[in-house]
N, C-alpha and C. Protein backbone atom coordinates (compact mmCIF):
# COMPACT_ATOMS: atom_id res chain seq x y z
N MET A 1 0.85 -1.20 -0.02
CA MET A 1 0.01 -0.02 0.00
C MET A 1 0.87 1.25 -0.04
N PRO A 2 0.62 2.23 -0.84
CA PRO A 2 1.47 3.46 -0.88
C PRO A 2 1.33 4.28 0.33
N ASN A 3 2.34 5.04 0.57
CA ASN A 3 2.30 6.02 1.72
C ASN A 3 1.13 7.04 1.45
N THR A 4 0.58 7.53 2.47
CA THR A 4 -0.42 8.53 2.41
C THR A 4 -0.06 9.69 3.37
N MET A 5 -0.52 10.81 3.06
CA MET A 5 -0.25 12.02 3.84
C MET A 5 -1.58 12.84 4.01
N SER A 6 -1.86 13.20 5.21
CA SER A 6 -3.00 14.14 5.42
C SER A 6 -2.41 15.55 5.56
N LEU A 7 -3.09 16.44 4.91
CA LEU A 7 -2.66 17.85 4.99
C LEU A 7 -3.77 18.74 5.50
N ASN A 8 -3.44 19.68 6.36
CA ASN A 8 -4.39 20.67 6.72
C ASN A 8 -3.91 22.04 6.24
N VAL A 9 -4.67 22.61 5.44
CA VAL A 9 -4.29 23.90 4.79
C VAL A 9 -5.33 24.93 5.17
N ARG A 10 -4.84 26.11 5.64
CA ARG A 10 -5.80 27.17 5.91
C ARG A 10 -5.62 28.25 4.89
N VAL A 11 -6.67 28.63 4.23
CA VAL A 11 -6.66 29.75 3.31
C VAL A 11 -7.70 30.75 3.71
N THR A 12 -7.44 32.00 3.42
CA THR A 12 -8.37 33.05 3.88
C THR A 12 -8.47 34.04 2.70
N GLY A 13 -9.45 34.93 2.81
CA GLY A 13 -9.63 36.00 1.92
C GLY A 13 -9.81 35.58 0.44
N SER A 14 -9.04 36.21 -0.48
CA SER A 14 -9.22 35.99 -1.89
C SER A 14 -8.83 34.58 -2.20
N LEU A 15 -7.84 33.96 -1.51
CA LEU A 15 -7.50 32.52 -1.78
C LEU A 15 -8.71 31.62 -1.45
N CYS A 16 -9.34 31.85 -0.41
CA CYS A 16 -10.53 31.07 0.01
C CYS A 16 -11.61 31.21 -1.05
N ASP A 17 -11.88 32.45 -1.49
CA ASP A 17 -12.83 32.69 -2.50
C ASP A 17 -12.54 31.96 -3.79
N PHE A 18 -11.24 31.98 -4.17
CA PHE A 18 -10.80 31.42 -5.45
C PHE A 18 -10.97 29.84 -5.34
N VAL A 19 -10.57 29.27 -4.24
CA VAL A 19 -10.76 27.84 -4.05
C VAL A 19 -12.29 27.44 -4.06
N ALA A 20 -13.09 28.33 -3.38
CA ALA A 20 -14.48 28.00 -3.37
C ALA A 20 -15.13 28.04 -4.77
N LYS A 21 -14.68 28.86 -5.61
CA LYS A 21 -15.17 29.01 -6.98
C LYS A 21 -14.85 27.73 -7.80
N ASN A 22 -13.64 27.21 -7.47
CA ASN A 22 -13.18 25.96 -8.18
C ASN A 22 -13.81 24.71 -7.72
N ILE A 23 -14.43 24.65 -6.57
CA ILE A 23 -14.99 23.47 -6.04
C ILE A 23 -16.56 23.58 -5.99
N SER A 24 -17.09 24.66 -6.48
CA SER A 24 -18.59 24.81 -6.38
C SER A 24 -19.22 23.89 -7.42
N ASP A 25 -20.54 23.90 -7.49
CA ASP A 25 -21.27 23.11 -8.48
C ASP A 25 -20.78 23.48 -9.90
N SER A 26 -20.50 24.72 -10.13
CA SER A 26 -20.08 25.16 -11.48
C SER A 26 -18.58 25.10 -11.65
N GLY A 27 -17.86 24.73 -10.62
CA GLY A 27 -16.34 24.65 -10.65
C GLY A 27 -15.89 23.34 -11.30
N GLN A 28 -14.58 23.26 -11.41
CA GLN A 28 -13.91 22.09 -12.03
C GLN A 28 -13.83 20.88 -11.08
N TYR A 29 -13.92 21.06 -9.79
CA TYR A 29 -13.60 20.08 -8.86
C TYR A 29 -14.80 19.78 -7.96
N ASP A 30 -14.91 18.56 -7.49
CA ASP A 30 -15.98 18.13 -6.58
C ASP A 30 -15.68 18.51 -5.14
N ASN A 31 -14.44 18.52 -4.74
CA ASN A 31 -14.05 18.86 -3.44
C ASN A 31 -12.61 19.41 -3.40
N VAL A 32 -12.26 19.85 -2.17
CA VAL A 32 -10.92 20.51 -2.00
C VAL A 32 -9.80 19.50 -2.20
N SER A 33 -9.96 18.26 -1.82
CA SER A 33 -8.94 17.31 -1.92
C SER A 33 -8.56 16.99 -3.40
N GLU A 34 -9.64 16.90 -4.18
CA GLU A 34 -9.48 16.64 -5.61
C GLU A 34 -8.74 17.83 -6.16
N TYR A 35 -9.02 19.03 -5.83
CA TYR A 35 -8.34 20.23 -6.34
C TYR A 35 -6.83 20.26 -5.93
N ILE A 36 -6.61 19.97 -4.69
CA ILE A 36 -5.19 19.95 -4.14
C ILE A 36 -4.39 18.91 -4.90
N ARG A 37 -4.93 17.72 -5.03
CA ARG A 37 -4.24 16.64 -5.76
C ARG A 37 -3.88 17.02 -7.16
N ASP A 38 -4.82 17.66 -7.90
CA ASP A 38 -4.59 18.15 -9.24
C ASP A 38 -3.47 19.18 -9.21
N LEU A 39 -3.52 20.11 -8.29
CA LEU A 39 -2.45 21.15 -8.25
C LEU A 39 -1.06 20.55 -8.06
N ILE A 40 -1.04 19.42 -7.16
CA ILE A 40 0.33 18.80 -6.92
C ILE A 40 0.73 18.09 -8.13
N ARG A 41 -0.19 17.46 -8.87
CA ARG A 41 0.19 16.80 -10.13
C ARG A 41 0.69 17.76 -11.15
N GLN A 42 0.09 18.89 -11.31
CA GLN A 42 0.55 19.93 -12.15
C GLN A 42 1.91 20.45 -11.80
N ASP A 43 2.22 20.60 -10.57
CA ASP A 43 3.41 21.11 -10.09
C ASP A 43 4.52 20.05 -10.40
N LYS A 44 4.23 18.82 -10.13
CA LYS A 44 5.20 17.72 -10.45
C LYS A 44 5.46 17.63 -11.93
N GLN A 45 4.50 17.82 -12.73
CA GLN A 45 4.67 17.85 -14.16
C GLN A 45 5.59 19.04 -14.59
N ARG A 46 5.34 20.17 -14.04
CA ARG A 46 6.18 21.36 -14.32
C ARG A 46 7.64 21.07 -13.98
N ALA A 47 7.86 20.45 -12.84
CA ALA A 47 9.18 20.17 -12.35
C ALA A 47 9.84 19.15 -13.27
N GLU A 48 9.15 18.14 -13.78
CA GLU A 48 9.66 17.18 -14.71
C GLU A 48 10.00 17.92 -16.03
N GLN A 49 9.10 18.75 -16.42
CA GLN A 49 9.36 19.54 -17.70
C GLN A 49 10.55 20.36 -17.61
N ARG A 50 10.77 21.02 -16.48
CA ARG A 50 11.97 21.88 -16.33
C ARG A 50 13.27 20.99 -16.42
N LYS A 51 13.26 19.81 -15.75
CA LYS A 51 14.34 18.90 -15.82
C LYS A 51 14.61 18.47 -17.28
N PHE A 52 13.55 18.15 -17.97
CA PHE A 52 13.64 17.73 -19.39
C PHE A 52 14.32 18.83 -20.21
N GLU A 53 13.83 20.11 -20.00
CA GLU A 53 14.28 21.27 -20.75
C GLU A 53 15.80 21.50 -20.49
N ARG A 54 16.26 21.27 -19.26
CA ARG A 54 17.67 21.45 -18.94
C ARG A 54 18.51 20.46 -19.65
N VAL A 55 18.02 19.21 -19.66
CA VAL A 55 18.76 18.09 -20.41
C VAL A 55 18.81 18.42 -21.88
N LYS A 56 17.64 18.86 -22.42
CA LYS A 56 17.60 19.16 -23.80
C LYS A 56 18.54 20.32 -24.19
N ALA A 57 18.62 21.32 -23.38
CA ALA A 57 19.47 22.46 -23.62
C ALA A 57 20.93 22.05 -23.56
N GLU A 58 21.29 21.16 -22.65
CA GLU A 58 22.67 20.63 -22.55
C GLU A 58 23.06 19.86 -23.73
N LEU A 59 22.08 19.06 -24.24
CA LEU A 59 22.34 18.17 -25.41
C LEU A 59 22.50 19.04 -26.65
N GLN A 60 21.70 20.14 -26.73
CA GLN A 60 21.82 21.02 -27.91
C GLN A 60 23.16 21.64 -27.98
N LEU A 61 23.65 22.07 -26.73
CA LEU A 61 24.99 22.64 -26.70
C LEU A 61 26.04 21.67 -27.08
N ALA A 62 25.91 20.49 -26.60
CA ALA A 62 26.92 19.38 -26.84
C ALA A 62 26.93 19.09 -28.44
N PHE A 63 25.74 18.96 -28.98
CA PHE A 63 25.73 18.70 -30.43
C PHE A 63 26.13 19.82 -31.30
N ALA A 64 26.08 21.11 -30.74
CA ALA A 64 26.44 22.27 -31.55
C ALA A 64 27.95 22.43 -31.54
N ALA A 65 28.65 21.79 -30.61
CA ALA A 65 30.07 22.08 -30.48
C ALA A 65 30.78 21.49 -31.70
N PRO A 66 31.89 22.12 -32.05
CA PRO A 66 32.66 21.63 -33.25
C PRO A 66 33.24 20.26 -32.82
N GLU A 67 33.37 19.41 -33.86
CA GLU A 67 33.88 18.09 -33.72
C GLU A 67 35.30 18.06 -33.02
N SER A 68 36.03 19.11 -33.30
CA SER A 68 37.44 19.16 -32.71
C SER A 68 37.35 19.22 -31.17
N GLU A 69 36.24 19.63 -30.59
CA GLU A 69 36.18 19.76 -29.14
C GLU A 69 35.80 18.36 -28.52
N TYR A 70 35.39 17.41 -29.32
CA TYR A 70 34.96 16.16 -28.78
C TYR A 70 36.19 15.36 -28.35
N ALA A 71 36.13 14.60 -27.34
CA ALA A 71 37.20 13.72 -26.87
C ALA A 71 36.62 12.45 -26.47
N PRO A 72 37.39 11.34 -26.80
CA PRO A 72 36.92 10.02 -26.33
C PRO A 72 36.91 9.92 -24.84
N LEU A 73 35.82 9.38 -24.29
CA LEU A 73 35.75 9.20 -22.83
C LEU A 73 35.27 7.74 -22.50
N THR A 74 35.75 7.16 -21.52
CA THR A 74 35.29 5.87 -21.01
C THR A 74 34.24 6.16 -19.97
N ALA A 75 33.55 5.12 -19.56
CA ALA A 75 32.50 5.27 -18.58
C ALA A 75 33.10 5.70 -17.27
N ASP A 76 34.31 5.19 -16.97
CA ASP A 76 35.01 5.58 -15.73
C ASP A 76 35.38 7.14 -15.80
N ASP A 77 35.80 7.59 -16.92
CA ASP A 77 36.08 9.05 -17.08
C ASP A 77 34.85 9.78 -16.69
N ILE A 78 33.70 9.44 -17.21
CA ILE A 78 32.42 10.17 -17.05
C ILE A 78 32.05 10.11 -15.55
N PHE A 79 32.21 8.91 -14.89
CA PHE A 79 31.85 8.83 -13.50
C PHE A 79 32.74 9.70 -12.65
N LYS A 80 34.06 9.70 -12.91
CA LYS A 80 34.98 10.55 -12.21
C LYS A 80 34.63 12.03 -12.33
N ARG A 81 34.38 12.45 -13.56
CA ARG A 81 34.07 13.76 -13.82
C ARG A 81 32.71 14.22 -13.09
N ASN A 82 31.74 13.29 -13.12
CA ASN A 82 30.48 13.66 -12.40
C ASN A 82 30.65 13.64 -10.90
N ASP A 83 31.52 12.75 -10.39
CA ASP A 83 31.73 12.81 -8.91
C ASP A 83 32.42 14.06 -8.53
N HIS A 84 33.39 14.49 -9.35
CA HIS A 84 34.10 15.77 -9.07
C HIS A 84 33.12 16.97 -9.16
N LEU A 85 32.16 16.94 -10.17
CA LEU A 85 31.25 18.02 -10.26
C LEU A 85 30.23 18.06 -9.02
N ARG A 86 29.88 16.85 -8.54
CA ARG A 86 28.94 16.88 -7.37
C ARG A 86 29.66 17.42 -6.20
N LYS A 87 30.96 17.16 -6.02
CA LYS A 87 31.69 17.61 -4.82
C LYS A 87 31.92 19.15 -4.92
N SER A 88 31.79 19.73 -6.04
CA SER A 88 32.15 21.16 -6.19
C SER A 88 31.05 22.06 -5.68
């Protein structure tokens, strides 16, 4: 069975009004829990998209480099380089 977490969130004023509009009969969600779960899913998706965009940008830079800048590397070379970068 997956881990679960109960959250208590207090919102007031305009935030409360905004949430109420989203969970009303005419809103997108049936209840606050459904709304919060959807917000968390969207945030997770945005984080994954940002990571993907970073990798994509790094690959574009790598493939744009002139061939003269390429150097043969072994897997051990890459692991050592990455360990060094993590420690920095």
